[in-house]
């Protein structure tokens, strides 16, 4: 797939989204990662979508811990909205449960995220928590697969980025439908 162009003016958020999703749909996790990185670097880091693309590209490449790390960066430094942070904390729990096979640790993310979940995720919460609780009862894993999720500290003041790829969006707004489909195809309960 196409890589991010080296241009004087970065693409708009819609082009970053379109190109990254096309890469994911084609199985090109490197291309998707590159487009997500360019989007964040062009001012789109306060949006949930580039972080979802990072998660999808990491899962596509078979690196669940990298997906967790991307989520930690987003919820710790970039996403000011409580509903967006809750959505990513929820996805973190789903990745830990489904990909790292650690339901006990996953519950430490799923349960605190539940009260602030945005509407696009609320249909999945009961079934996912019940499945995770059931799996936790039978899990033999004693050492957590990942460290606890980061707490929001805000974007560092030293990090000044252009705002060309920033676009208005509401906290908790559903991501692009094609991106949600990619996440569902990767086994995450988001639709």
Protein backbone atom coordinates (compact mmCIF):
# COMPACT_ATOMS: atom_id res chain seq x y z
CA UNK A 1 0.00 0.00 0.00
CA UNK A 2 1.00 3.60 -0.19
CA UNK A 3 3.22 5.16 2.40
CA UNK A 4 2.74 8.61 3.79
CA UNK A 5 3.98 11.19 1.28
CA UNK A 6 6.78 13.55 2.20
CA UNK A 7 5.08 16.88 1.51
CA UNK A 8 5.42 20.42 2.79
CA UNK A 9 1.79 20.38 3.96
CA UNK A 10 0.58 17.21 5.69
CA UNK A 11 -2.61 15.55 4.45
CA UNK A 12 -5.94 16.24 6.14
CA UNK A 13 -7.25 13.89 8.82
CA UNK A 14 -9.63 12.31 6.30
CA UNK A 15 -6.72 11.30 4.04
CA UNK A 16 -4.72 9.89 6.95
CA UNK A 17 -7.80 7.86 7.98
CA UNK A 18 -8.57 6.67 4.45
CA UNK A 19 -4.99 5.61 3.68
CA UNK A 20 -4.44 3.89 7.05
CA UNK A 21 -7.69 1.94 6.83
CA UNK A 22 -6.87 0.91 3.23
CA UNK A 23 -3.51 -0.39 4.46
CA UNK A 24 -5.18 -2.36 7.26
CA UNK A 25 -7.72 -3.84 4.87
CA UNK A 26 -4.87 -4.93 2.60
CA UNK A 27 -3.00 -6.53 5.50
CA UNK A 28 -0.23 -3.90 5.38
CA UNK A 29 0.41 -3.27 9.07
CA UNK A 30 3.60 -1.27 8.36
CA UNK A 31 1.79 1.12 6.04
CA UNK A 32 -1.04 1.57 8.55
CA UNK A 33 1.48 2.22 11.32
CA UNK A 34 3.23 4.82 9.16
CA UNK A 35 -0.02 6.63 8.39
CA UNK A 36 -1.06 6.60 12.08
CA UNK A 37 2.33 7.97 13.09
CA UNK A 38 2.07 10.72 10.49
CA UNK A 39 -1.44 11.57 11.65
CA UNK A 40 -0.37 11.94 15.28
CA UNK A 41 2.71 13.92 14.25
CA UNK A 42 0.55 16.27 12.19
CA UNK A 43 -1.68 17.14 15.10
CA UNK A 44 -4.23 14.32 15.20
CA UNK A 45 -3.06 12.76 18.46
CA UNK A 46 -6.08 14.01 20.37
CA UNK A 47 -8.33 11.80 18.20
CA UNK A 48 -9.02 8.19 19.07
CA UNK A 49 -8.77 6.95 15.47
CA UNK A 50 -4.98 7.08 14.92
CA UNK A 51 -4.58 5.17 18.17
CA UNK A 52 -7.09 2.55 17.03
CA UNK A 53 -5.04 2.25 13.85
CA UNK A 54 -1.90 1.71 15.94
CA UNK A 55 -3.75 -1.01 17.88
CA UNK A 56 -5.00 -2.69 14.69
CA UNK A 57 -1.57 -2.56 13.03
CA UNK A 58 0.09 -4.07 16.11
CA UNK A 59 -2.48 -6.87 16.29
CA UNK A 60 -2.18 -7.47 12.55
CA UNK A 61 1.58 -7.90 13.02
CA UNK A 62 1.02 -10.29 15.94
CA UNK A 63 2.34 -7.91 18.61
CA UNK A 64 -0.37 -7.60 21.24
CA UNK A 65 1.98 -5.97 23.75
CA UNK A 66 2.70 -3.20 21.22
CA UNK A 67 -1.06 -2.65 20.97
CA UNK A 68 -1.23 -2.30 24.76
CA UNK A 69 1.69 0.14 24.70
CA UNK A 70 -0.02 2.29 22.05
CA UNK A 71 -3.15 2.39 24.19
CA UNK A 72 -1.11 3.39 27.23
CA UNK A 73 0.47 6.27 25.31
CA UNK A 74 -2.94 7.46 24.11
CA UNK A 75 -4.70 7.33 27.47
CA UNK A 76 -1.71 8.64 29.39
CA UNK A 77 -0.61 11.52 27.20
CA UNK A 78 -2.92 12.29 24.31
CA UNK A 79 -6.66 11.81 24.83
CA UNK A 80 -8.21 14.40 27.12
CA UNK A 81 -11.78 13.05 26.83
CA UNK A 82 -12.90 10.60 29.51
CA UNK A 83 -15.09 8.63 27.07
CA UNK A 84 -12.27 8.19 24.55
CA UNK A 85 -9.89 7.12 27.33
CA UNK A 86 -12.53 4.68 28.64
CA UNK A 87 -12.96 3.23 25.13
CA UNK A 88 -9.22 2.60 24.82
CA UNK A 89 -8.97 1.24 28.36
CA UNK A 90 -11.79 -1.14 27.40
CA UNK A 91 -9.94 -2.21 24.26
CA UNK A 92 -6.79 -2.67 26.34
CA UNK A 93 -8.70 -5.09 28.55
CA UNK A 94 -10.03 -6.91 25.48
CA UNK A 95 -6.52 -7.26 24.03
CA UNK A 96 -5.13 -8.50 27.35
CA UNK A 97 -7.98 -10.99 27.68
CA UNK A 98 -8.23 -12.21 24.10
CA UNK A 99 -4.66 -11.92 22.81
CA UNK A 100 -2.51 -12.27 25.94
CA UNK A 101 -4.87 -14.80 27.57
CA UNK A 102 -4.83 -12.98 30.91
CA UNK A 103 -8.44 -12.46 32.03
CA UNK A 104 -7.58 -11.45 35.60
CA UNK A 105 -5.41 -8.58 34.44
CA UNK A 106 -7.97 -7.71 31.76
CA UNK A 107 -10.66 -7.17 34.39
CA UNK A 108 -8.46 -4.45 35.91
CA UNK A 109 -9.09 -2.49 32.69
CA UNK A 110 -12.60 -3.60 31.75
CA UNK A 111 -14.32 -2.86 35.06
CA UNK A 112 -13.02 0.71 35.56
CA UNK A 113 -13.71 1.54 31.91
CA UNK A 114 -17.33 0.36 31.97
CA UNK A 115 -19.04 3.40 33.58
CA UNK A 116 -17.61 5.88 31.05
CA UNK A 117 -17.89 3.74 27.90
CA UNK A 118 -19.19 5.68 24.92
CA UNK A 119 -22.46 4.50 23.32
CA UNK A 120 -20.68 2.74 20.44
CA UNK A 121 -19.26 0.21 22.93
CA UNK A 122 -22.07 -0.25 25.46
CA UNK A 123 -23.71 -3.20 23.68
CA UNK A 124 -20.62 -5.33 24.23
CA UNK A 125 -19.89 -4.60 27.87
CA UNK A 126 -22.03 -7.19 29.68
CA UNK A 127 -21.07 -10.14 27.48
CA UNK A 128 -17.36 -9.25 27.47
CA UNK A 129 -17.17 -8.75 31.23
CA UNK A 130 -19.09 -11.98 31.87
CA UNK A 131 -16.79 -13.94 29.54
CA UNK A 132 -13.72 -12.41 31.12
CA UNK A 133 -14.95 -13.12 34.67
CA UNK A 134 -15.68 -16.73 33.71
CA UNK A 135 -12.24 -17.13 32.15
CA UNK A 136 -10.61 -15.52 35.20
CA UNK A 137 -12.11 -18.19 37.46
CA UNK A 138 -10.33 -20.88 35.46
CA UNK A 139 -7.14 -19.03 34.63
CA UNK A 140 -3.88 -20.43 35.96
CA UNK A 141 -1.95 -17.29 35.09
CA UNK A 142 -0.56 -15.70 38.25
CA UNK A 143 1.83 -13.07 36.90
CA UNK A 144 0.18 -10.17 35.05
CA UNK A 145 0.99 -10.05 31.32
CA UNK A 146 1.25 -6.26 31.34
CA UNK A 147 1.76 -3.48 33.86
CA UNK A 148 -1.26 -1.42 34.96
CA UNK A 149 -2.65 1.07 32.46
CA UNK A 150 -1.35 4.60 32.54
CA UNK A 151 -3.32 7.41 34.10
CA UNK A 152 -3.96 10.57 32.14
CA UNK A 153 -1.28 13.19 32.75
CA UNK A 154 -1.86 15.34 29.69
CA UNK A 155 0.27 15.98 26.64
CA UNK A 156 3.71 17.24 27.59
CA UNK A 157 4.09 20.99 27.13
CA UNK A 158 7.41 20.40 25.41
CA UNK A 159 5.65 18.57 22.59
CA UNK A 160 4.47 21.15 20.07
CA UNK A 161 2.96 19.71 16.92
CA UNK A 162 1.30 21.29 13.91
CA UNK A 163 -2.47 21.12 13.85
CA UNK A 164 -3.08 20.39 10.15
CA UNK A 165 -4.54 16.93 10.77
CA UNK A 166 -6.71 17.92 13.72
CA UNK A 167 -10.44 17.94 13.10
CA UNK A 168 -13.42 18.72 15.33
CA UNK A 169 -14.81 15.68 17.08
CA UNK A 170 -16.78 14.96 20.24
CA UNK A 171 -15.44 12.93 23.13
CA UNK A 172 -16.81 9.40 22.75
CA UNK A 173 -17.83 9.83 19.12
CA UNK A 174 -17.80 6.54 17.21
CA UNK A 175 -14.80 5.98 14.93
CA UNK A 176 -15.04 5.41 11.19
CA UNK A 177 -17.23 2.39 10.37
CA UNK A 178 -14.54 0.79 8.18
CA UNK A 179 -12.04 1.05 11.03
CA UNK A 180 -14.53 -0.56 13.41
CA UNK A 181 -14.97 -3.41 10.91
CA UNK A 182 -11.19 -3.95 10.82
CA UNK A 183 -11.13 -4.14 14.62
CA UNK A 184 -14.03 -6.61 14.64
CA UNK A 185 -12.22 -8.73 12.03
CA UNK A 186 -9.22 -8.76 14.38
CA UNK A 187 -11.44 -10.25 17.10
CA UNK A 188 -12.16 -7.17 19.22
CA UNK A 189 -15.73 -6.69 20.52
CA UNK A 190 -16.47 -3.21 19.22
CA UNK A 191 -19.63 -3.77 17.17
